Amino acid sequence: MSKVYADAVATPEPTDDLTLGGSGDNVIVTAGATLKTNTVKDSGGNTLWTSDGSGNLSSQNSAIGPTNMVLLTTNTSSNAASSSFTSSIDSTYKLYIFKFYDVNPATDEAHFTFNMSIDGGSNYNVTKTTTGFRAEHLENDTSDLDYQAGSDLAQGTGFQLLGSALGNATDESAAGELFLFNPSNTTYVKHYYSTTSFSRYNDGEHNFFSAGYANTTDNIDAIQFKMSSGNMDAVIKMYGVG
């Protein structure tokens, strides 16, 4: 078997095709070698997926896995007033998942909250009806499971509670996820649910569950997370699914 050694193989023009092998041949990348590219296409020139060079995929062809989670945006906040997502929430996906990590307020006993927008983030005041309950295990070894009436919104436009009375110590952060369904639908209301695990101020471990709907047939195109008071540190990632 002959071998050809080269540092690069290219066509005369950037738009020309470079053919490796013939019909029926197997083109083999040897074990241990790495094939690097940002855009992968099939023989018909259809894009299968594109990477930004950092492992984030876009332009993923719907025929090869429309239900896969695709990371769309990562917001890393340091002593910031809020974390807003004002782009990429559209009809591309039927489900948007927000995963938040290391959420830590600058102010003791601040509440972690979110709201939605129908005008690209100019206003976060969508009318919502919600409910929530909490499981807790405190540092004094007592536990409880209860409905949180104070977290409810009944056709309210305020920010929805995701975690209450967080402390600002390093062992009092929060983490969790929020699911927003079909936000671009213009026929029905928009449902969400969330789960947040957090260490409340000088208290213990809490797990808060919230669910509800945005009572609007306008498309939801932005979402914002913030504390009820003061700034916060947080890493929040937005994924598209389906």
C-alpha atoms as a PDB file:
ATOM      1  CA  MET A   1       0.000   0.000   0.000  1.00  0.00           C
ATOM      2  CA  SER A   2       1.385   3.375  -1.023  1.00  0.00           C
ATOM      3  CA  LYS A   3       1.388   6.420   1.201  1.00  0.00           C
ATOM      4  CA  VAL A   4       1.264  10.105   0.352  1.00  0.00           C
ATOM      5  CA  TYR A   5       2.802  12.492   2.884  1.00  0.00           C
ATOM      6  CA  ALA A   6       1.613  16.111   2.896  1.00  0.00           C
ATOM      7  CA  ASP A   7       0.957  18.940   5.338  1.00  0.00           C
ATOM      8  CA  ALA A   8      -2.069  20.170   3.376  1.00  0.00           C
ATOM      9  CA  VAL A   9      -4.203  19.174   0.409  1.00  0.00           C
ATOM     10  CA  ALA A  10      -6.339  21.859  -1.223  1.00  0.00           C
ATOM     11  CA  THR A  11      -8.241  22.586  -4.442  1.00  0.00           C
ATOM     12  CA  PRO A  12      -7.288  25.422  -6.809  1.00  0.00           C
ATOM     13  CA  GLU A  13     -10.430  27.355  -5.881  1.00  0.00           C
ATOM     14  CA  PRO A  14     -12.007  27.603  -2.374  1.00  0.00           C
ATOM     15  CA  THR A  15     -15.415  26.585  -3.716  1.00  0.00           C
ATOM     16  CA  ASP A  16     -14.173  23.461  -5.536  1.00  0.00           C
ATOM     17  CA  ASP A  17     -14.870  19.983  -4.156  1.00  0.00           C
ATOM     18  CA  LEU A  18     -11.967  17.805  -3.008  1.00  0.00           C
ATOM     19  CA  THR A  19     -12.762  14.126  -3.605  1.00  0.00           C
ATOM     20  CA  LEU A  20     -11.103  11.450  -1.498  1.00  0.00           C
ATOM     21  CA  GLY A  21     -11.573   7.907  -2.792  1.00  0.00           C
ATOM     22  CA  GLY A  22     -13.925   6.619  -5.447  1.00  0.00           C
ATOM     23  CA  SER A  23     -17.371   5.097  -5.515  1.00  0.00           C
ATOM     24  CA  GLY A  24     -17.471   2.055  -3.235  1.00  0.00           C
ATOM     25  CA  ASP A  25     -14.195   2.920  -1.513  1.00  0.00           C
ATOM     26  CA  ASN A  26     -13.822   3.301   2.239  1.00  0.00           C
ATOM     27  CA  VAL A  27     -12.039   6.488   3.297  1.00  0.00           C
ATOM     28  CA  ILE A  28     -10.437   5.656   6.649  1.00  0.00           C
ATOM     29  CA  VAL A  29      -9.217   8.027   9.369  1.00  0.00           C
ATOM     30  CA  THR A  30      -6.622   5.986  11.252  1.00  0.00           C
ATOM     31  CA  ALA A  31      -7.284   5.251  14.932  1.00  0.00           C
ATOM     32  CA  GLY A  32      -5.632   7.924  17.036  1.00  0.00           C
ATOM     33  CA  ALA A  33      -5.893  10.566  14.308  1.00  0.00           C
ATOM     34  CA  THR A  34      -8.239  13.568  14.616  1.00  0.00           C
ATOM     35  CA  LEU A  35     -10.442  14.924  11.838  1.00  0.00           C
ATOM     36  CA  LYS A  36     -11.150  18.622  12.437  1.00  0.00           C
ATOM     37  CA  THR A  37     -13.799  20.732  10.716  1.00  0.00           C
ATOM     38  CA  ASN A  38     -16.536  23.170  11.683  1.00  0.00           C
ATOM     39  CA  THR A  39     -19.200  22.345   9.078  1.00  0.00           C
ATOM     40  CA  VAL A  40     -20.157  18.806   8.050  1.00  0.00           C
ATOM     41  CA  LYS A  41     -22.261  18.272   4.895  1.00  0.00           C
ATOM     42  CA  ASP A  42     -23.625  15.210   3.121  1.00  0.00           C
ATOM     43  CA  SER A  43     -22.944  14.314  -0.524  1.00  0.00           C
ATOM     44  CA  GLY A  44     -25.843  16.505  -1.612  1.00  0.00           C
ATOM     45  CA  GLY A  45     -24.319  19.568   0.022  1.00  0.00           C
ATOM     46  CA  ASN A  46     -26.843  19.640   2.871  1.00  0.00           C
ATOM     47  CA  THR A  47     -25.411  20.875   6.166  1.00  0.00           C
ATOM     48  CA  LEU A  48     -25.615  18.223   8.881  1.00  0.00           C
ATOM     49  CA  TRP A  49     -24.238  20.461  11.614  1.00  0.00           C
ATOM     50  CA  THR A  50     -21.940  23.419  12.219  1.00  0.00           C
ATOM     51  CA  SER A  51     -19.670  24.034  15.198  1.00  0.00           C
ATOM     52  CA  ASP A  52     -18.340  27.403  16.329  1.00  0.00           C
ATOM     53  CA  GLY A  53     -14.957  25.844  17.108  1.00  0.00           C
ATOM     54  CA  SER A  54     -15.737  25.672  20.822  1.00  0.00           C
ATOM     55  CA  GLY A  55     -18.070  22.684  20.728  1.00  0.00           C
ATOM     56  CA  ASN A  56     -21.341  24.629  20.414  1.00  0.00           C
ATOM     57  CA  LEU A  57     -23.466  23.280  17.554  1.00  0.00           C
ATOM     58  CA  SER A  58     -25.831  25.172  15.293  1.00  0.00           C
ATOM     59  CA  SER A  59     -27.570  24.542  11.954  1.00  0.00           C
ATOM     60  CA  GLN A  60     -28.185  20.971  13.059  1.00  0.00           C
ATOM     61  CA  ASN A  61     -30.155  19.125  10.396  1.00  0.00           C
ATOM     62  CA  SER A  62     -33.565  18.101  11.751  1.00  0.00           C
ATOM     63  CA  ALA A  63     -33.274  14.678  10.098  1.00  0.00           C
ATOM     64  CA  ILE A  64     -30.471  13.538  12.415  1.00  0.00           C
ATOM     65  CA  GLY A  65     -31.969  14.141  15.818  1.00  0.00           C
ATOM     66  CA  PRO A  66     -34.463  16.928  16.306  1.00  0.00           C
ATOM     67  CA  THR A  67     -34.911  16.031  19.971  1.00  0.00           C
ATOM     68  CA  ASN A  68     -31.262  16.571  20.918  1.00  0.00           C
ATOM     69  CA  MET A  69     -30.438  19.407  23.301  1.00  0.00           C
ATOM     70  CA  VAL A  70     -28.512  22.184  21.567  1.00  0.00           C
ATOM     71  CA  LEU A  71     -26.649  24.732  23.669  1.00  0.00           C
ATOM     72  CA  LEU A  72     -27.675  28.154  22.376  1.00  0.00           C
ATOM     73  CA  THR A  73     -26.350  30.690  24.879  1.00  0.00           C
ATOM     74  CA  THR A  74     -24.289  30.813  28.070  1.00  0.00           C
ATOM     75  CA  ASN A  75     -24.599  33.828  30.360  1.00  0.00           C
ATOM     76  CA  THR A  76     -21.896  34.130  33.016  1.00  0.00           C
ATOM     77  CA  SER A  77     -22.774  36.906  35.473  1.00  0.00           C
ATOM     78  CA  SER A  78     -20.436  38.393  38.053  1.00  0.00           C
ATOM     79  CA  ASN A  79     -22.000  40.856  40.497  1.00  0.00           C
ATOM     80  CA  ALA A  80     -24.633  41.620  37.845  1.00  0.00           C
ATOM     81  CA  ALA A  81     -28.112  43.058  38.303  1.00  0.00           C
ATOM     82  CA  SER A  82     -29.692  40.407  36.064  1.00  0.00           C
ATOM     83  CA  SER A  83     -29.107  37.725  33.440  1.00  0.00           C
ATOM     84  CA  SER A  84     -31.171  38.242  30.283  1.00  0.00           C
ATOM     85  CA  PHE A  85     -31.712  36.106  27.178  1.00  0.00           C
ATOM     86  CA  THR A  86     -32.965  38.369  24.388  1.00  0.00           C
ATOM     87  CA  SER A  87     -32.132  36.350  21.277  1.00  0.00           C
ATOM     88  CA  SER A  88     -32.484  32.789  19.934  1.00  0.00           C
ATOM     89  CA  ILE A  89     -35.871  32.271  21.631  1.00  0.00           C
ATOM     90  CA  ASP A  90     -37.972  31.692  18.536  1.00  0.00           C
ATOM     91  CA  SER A  91     -39.837  29.041  16.553  1.00  0.00           C
ATOM     92  CA  THR A  92     -36.686  26.986  15.917  1.00  0.00           C
ATOM     93  CA  TYR A  93     -37.372  24.830  18.983  1.00  0.00           C
ATOM     94  CA  LYS A  94     -40.533  23.715  20.777  1.00  0.00           C
ATOM     95  CA  LEU A  95     -38.815  23.527  24.162  1.00  0.00           C
ATOM     96  CA  TYR A  96     -36.247  25.817  25.772  1.00  0.00           C
ATOM     97  CA  ILE A  97     -34.388  24.639  28.863  1.00  0.00           C
ATOM     98  CA  PHE A  98     -32.504  27.005  31.146  1.00  0.00           C
ATOM     99  CA  LYS A  99     -29.968  25.431  33.494  1.00  0.00           C
ATOM    100  CA  PHE A 100     -28.527  27.628  36.229  1.00  0.00           C
ATOM    101  CA  TYR A 101     -25.462  26.977  38.349  1.00  0.00           C
ATOM    102  CA  ASP A 102     -23.684  28.674  41.256  1.00  0.00           C
ATOM    103  CA  VAL A 103     -26.384  31.314  41.700  1.00  0.00           C
ATOM    104  CA  ASN A 104     -25.231  33.454  44.608  1.00  0.00           C
ATOM    105  CA  PRO A 105     -26.735  36.802  45.684  1.00  0.00           C
ATOM    106  CA  ALA A 106     -24.747  39.809  46.850  1.00  0.00           C
ATOM    107  CA  THR A 107     -27.481  40.532  49.406  1.00  0.00           C
ATOM    108  CA  ASP A 108     -28.441  38.099  52.173  1.00  0.00           C
ATOM    109  CA  GLU A 109     -31.995  36.729  52.048  1.00  0.00           C
ATOM    110  CA  ALA A 110     -32.603  37.835  48.449  1.00  0.00           C
ATOM    111  CA  HIS A 111     -35.033  35.820  46.305  1.00  0.00           C
ATOM    112  CA  PHE A 112     -34.048  34.319  42.950  1.00  0.00           C
ATOM    113  CA  THR A 113     -36.723  35.130  40.340  1.00  0.00           C
ATOM    114  CA  PHE A 114     -37.529  35.197  36.618  1.00  0.00           C
ATOM    115  CA  ASN A 115     -39.914  36.859  34.199  1.00  0.00           C
ATOM    116  CA  MET A 116     -40.729  36.755  30.497  1.00  0.00           C
ATOM    117  CA  SER A 117     -41.077  39.334  27.727  1.00  0.00           C
ATOM    118  CA  ILE A 118     -43.053  39.663  24.499  1.00  0.00           C
ATOM    119  CA  ASP A 119     -41.130  42.694  23.201  1.00  0.00           C
ATOM    120  CA  GLY A 120     -37.548  41.482  22.999  1.00  0.00           C
ATOM    121  CA  GLY A 121     -36.713  42.335  26.590  1.00  0.00           C
ATOM    122  CA  SER A 122     -37.884  45.949  26.661  1.00  0.00           C
ATOM    123  CA  ASN A 123     -40.377  44.956  29.383  1.00  0.00           C
ATOM    124  CA  TYR A 124     -40.562  41.912  31.622  1.00  0.00           C
ATOM    125  CA  ASN A 125     -44.184  42.005  32.756  1.00  0.00           C
ATOM    126  CA  VAL A 126     -46.012  39.054  31.195  1.00  0.00           C
ATOM    127  CA  THR A 127     -49.255  38.080  32.964  1.00  0.00           C
ATOM    128  CA  LYS A 128     -48.819  34.701  34.683  1.00  0.00           C
ATOM    129  CA  THR A 129     -50.726  32.217  36.826  1.00  0.00           C
ATOM    130  CA  THR A 130     -48.412  29.967  38.845  1.00  0.00           C
ATOM    131  CA  THR A 131     -48.145  27.648  41.816  1.00  0.00           C
ATOM    132  CA  GLY A 132     -45.323  26.216  43.897  1.00  0.00           C
ATOM    133  CA  PHE A 133     -44.364  23.909  46.736  1.00  0.00           C
ATOM    134  CA  ARG A 134     -41.210  23.271  48.739  1.00  0.00           C
ATOM    135  CA  ALA A 135     -39.398  20.356  50.326  1.00  0.00           C
ATOM    136  CA  GLU A 136     -36.895  21.225  53.043  1.00  0.00           C
ATOM    137  CA  HIS A 137     -34.426  19.612  55.418  1.00  0.00           C
ATOM    138  CA  LEU A 138     -32.992  22.096  57.878  1.00  0.00           C
ATOM    139  CA  GLU A 139     -29.685  22.126  59.712  1.00  0.00           C
ATOM    140  CA  ASN A 140     -31.499  21.370  62.993  1.00  0.00           C
ATOM    141  CA  ASP A 141     -32.574  18.046  61.390  1.00  0.00           C
ATOM    142  CA  THR A 142     -36.239  18.933  60.891  1.00  0.00           C
ATOM    143  CA  SER A 143     -37.958  18.514  57.540  1.00  0.00           C
ATOM    144  CA  ASP A 144     -41.150  19.600  55.840  1.00  0.00           C
ATOM    145  CA  LEU A 145     -43.110  19.500  52.589  1.00  0.00           C
ATOM    146  CA  ASP A 146     -45.546  22.345  52.053  1.00  0.00           C
ATOM    147  CA  TYR A 147     -47.459  24.425  49.543  1.00  0.00           C
ATOM    148  CA  GLN A 148     -45.977  27.911  49.184  1.00  0.00           C
ATOM    149  CA  ALA A 149     -48.978  30.214  48.809  1.00  0.00           C
ATOM    150  CA  GLY A 150     -46.765  33.296  48.930  1.00  0.00           C
ATOM    151  CA  SER A 151     -44.950  32.214  45.763  1.00  0.00           C
ATOM    152  CA  ASP A 152     -48.119  32.086  43.647  1.00  0.00           C
ATOM    153  CA  LEU A 153     -49.110  34.577  40.999  1.00  0.00           C
ATOM    154  CA  ALA A 154     -52.805  34.849  40.090  1.00  0.00           C
ATOM    155  CA  GLN A 155     -52.842  36.738  36.803  1.00  0.00           C
ATOM    156  CA  GLY A 156     -49.874  38.701  38.098  1.00  0.00           C
ATOM    157  CA  THR A 157     -47.171  40.436  36.088  1.00  0.00           C
ATOM    158  CA  GLY A 158     -44.396  40.381  38.677  1.00  0.00           C
ATOM    159  CA  PHE A 159     -41.259  38.246  38.746  1.00  0.00           C
ATOM    160  CA  GLN A 160     -41.872  34.613  39.651  1.00  0.00           C
ATOM    161  CA  LEU A 161     -40.043  33.105  42.633  1.00  0.00           C
ATOM    162  CA  LEU A 162     -37.521  30.329  41.909  1.00  0.00           C
ATOM    163  CA  GLY A 163     -35.718  30.272  45.258  1.00  0.00           C
ATOM    164  CA  SER A 164     -36.372  32.215  48.464  1.00  0.00           C
ATOM    165  CA  ALA A 165     -34.117  33.938  50.985  1.00  0.00           C
ATOM    166  CA  LEU A 166     -30.773  32.828  49.607  1.00  0.00           C
ATOM    167  CA  GLY A 167     -27.709  33.658  51.642  1.00  0.00           C
ATOM    168  CA  ASN A 168     -24.614  35.221  50.107  1.00  0.00           C
ATOM    169  CA  ALA A 169     -22.071  32.875  51.697  1.00  0.00           C
ATOM    170  CA  THR A 170     -20.232  30.418  49.452  1.00  0.00           C
ATOM    171  CA  ASP A 171     -22.263  27.517  50.892  1.00  0.00           C
ATOM    172  CA  GLU A 172     -25.607  29.236  50.228  1.00  0.00           C
ATOM    173  CA  SER A 173     -25.851  29.135  46.437  1.00  0.00           C
ATOM    174  CA  ALA A 174     -28.611  27.762  44.195  1.00  0.00           C
ATOM    175  CA  ALA A 175     -28.830  25.524  41.136  1.00  0.00           C
ATOM    176  CA  GLY A 176     -31.661  24.190  39.030  1.00  0.00           C
ATOM    177  CA  GLU A 177     -33.479  24.264  35.726  1.00  0.00           C
ATOM    178  CA  LEU A 178     -36.490  25.842  34.051  1.00  0.00           C
ATOM    179  CA  PHE A 179     -38.453  24.398  31.106  1.00  0.00           C
ATOM    180  CA  LEU A 180     -40.349  26.791  28.791  1.00  0.00           C
ATOM    181  CA  PHE A 181     -42.648  25.143  26.256  1.00  0.00           C
ATOM    182  CA  ASN A 182     -43.308  26.379  22.715  1.00  0.00           C
ATOM    183  CA  PRO A 183     -42.761  30.082  23.456  1.00  0.00           C
ATOM    184  CA  SER A 184     -43.362  31.183  19.852  1.00  0.00           C
ATOM    185  CA  ASN A 185     -46.842  29.687  19.596  1.00  0.00           C
ATOM    186  CA  THR A 186     -49.404  32.410  18.884  1.00  0.00           C
ATOM    187  CA  THR A 187     -52.519  30.292  19.536  1.00  0.00           C
ATOM    188  CA  TYR A 188     -52.083  29.029  23.093  1.00  0.00           C
ATOM    189  CA  VAL A 189     -50.673  30.187  26.419  1.00  0.00           C
ATOM    190  CA  LYS A 190     -47.065  29.267  27.291  1.00  0.00           C
ATOM    191  CA  HIS A 191     -46.390  26.739  30.057  1.00  0.00           C
ATOM    192  CA  TYR A 192     -43.271  26.395  32.197  1.00  0.00           C
ATOM    193  CA  TYR A 193     -42.036  24.440  35.191  1.00  0.00           C
ATOM    194  CA  SER A 194     -38.897  24.734  37.291  1.00  0.00           C
ATOM    195  CA  THR A 195     -36.959  22.993  40.038  1.00  0.00           C
ATOM    196  CA  THR A 196     -34.425  24.792  42.213  1.00  0.00           C
ATOM    197  CA  SER A 197     -32.141  23.362  44.868  1.00  0.00           C
ATOM    198  CA  PHE A 198     -30.720  25.970  47.223  1.00  0.00           C
ATOM    199  CA  SER A 199     -29.290  26.589  50.657  1.00  0.00           C
ATOM    200  CA  ARG A 200     -31.418  29.215  52.360  1.00  0.00           C
ATOM    201  CA  TYR A 201     -29.867  31.914  54.548  1.00  0.00           C
ATOM    202  CA  ASN A 202     -28.564  30.333  57.809  1.00  0.00           C
ATOM    203  CA  ASP A 203     -31.143  27.589  57.454  1.00  0.00           C
ATOM    204  CA  GLY A 204     -30.731  24.383  55.450  1.00  0.00           C
ATOM    205  CA  GLU A 205     -31.406  22.643  52.160  1.00  0.00           C
ATOM    206  CA  HIS A 206     -34.546  23.513  50.189  1.00  0.00           C
ATOM    207  CA  ASN A 207     -35.985  22.192  46.942  1.00  0.00           C
ATOM    208  CA  PHE A 208     -38.567  24.511  45.371  1.00  0.00           C
ATOM    209  CA  PHE A 209     -40.910  23.420  42.588  1.00  0.00           C
ATOM    210  CA  SER A 210     -42.801  25.989  40.516  1.00  0.00           C
ATOM    211  CA  ALA A 211     -45.101  25.666  37.511  1.00  0.00           C
ATOM    212  CA  GLY A 212     -47.568  27.802  35.633  1.00  0.00           C
ATOM    213  CA  TYR A 213     -48.350  29.553  32.404  1.00  0.00           C
ATOM    214  CA  ALA A 214     -47.866  32.905  30.739  1.00  0.00           C
ATOM    215  CA  ASN A 215     -51.378  33.998  29.878  1.00  0.00           C
ATOM    216  CA  THR A 216     -50.609  35.445  26.458  1.00  0.00           C
ATOM    217  CA  THR A 217     -50.938  34.320  22.868  1.00  0.00           C
ATOM    218  CA  ASP A 218     -48.104  36.635  21.886  1.00  0.00           C
ATOM    219  CA  ASN A 219     -44.753  34.952  21.371  1.00  0.00           C
ATOM    220  CA  ILE A 220     -42.360  34.927  24.317  1.00  0.00           C
ATOM    221  CA  ASP A 221     -39.024  36.134  22.915  1.00  0.00           C
ATOM    222  CA  ALA A 222     -36.935  37.030  25.984  1.00  0.00           C
ATOM    223  CA  ILE A 223     -36.481  35.886  29.562  1.00  0.00           C
ATOM    224  CA  GLN A 224     -34.690  37.446  32.524  1.00  0.00           C
ATOM    225  CA  PHE A 225     -33.367  36.071  35.816  1.00  0.00           C
ATOM    226  CA  LYS A 226     -32.539  38.340  38.751  1.00  0.00           C
ATOM    227  CA  MET A 227     -32.539  38.706  42.515  1.00  0.00           C
ATOM    228  CA  SER A 228     -35.345  40.496  44.331  1.00  0.00           C
ATOM    229  CA  SER A 229     -32.671  42.783  45.783  1.00  0.00           C
ATOM    230  CA  GLY A 230     -29.068  43.459  44.857  1.00  0.00           C
ATOM    231  CA  ASN A 231     -26.751  41.841  42.329  1.00  0.00           C
ATOM    232  CA  MET A 232     -25.774  38.217  41.812  1.00  0.00           C
ATOM    233  CA  ASP A 233     -23.206  35.794  40.462  1.00  0.00           C
ATOM    234  CA  ALA A 234     -24.609  33.090  38.196  1.00  0.00           C
ATOM    235  CA  VAL A 235     -23.949  30.822  35.238  1.00  0.00           C
ATOM    236  CA  ILE A 236     -27.095  30.225  33.183  1.00  0.00           C
ATOM    237  CA  LYS A 237     -27.222  28.168  29.980  1.00  0.00           C
ATOM    238  CA  MET A 238     -30.059  28.114  27.444  1.00  0.00           C
ATOM    239  CA  TYR A 239     -30.712  24.978  25.370  1.00  0.00           C
ATOM    240  CA  GLY A 240     -33.117  24.324  22.508  1.00  0.00           C
ATOM    241  CA  VAL A 241     -34.852  20.943  22.158  1.00  0.00           C
ATOM    242  CA  GLY A 242     -37.065  19.525  19.416  1.00  0.00           C
END
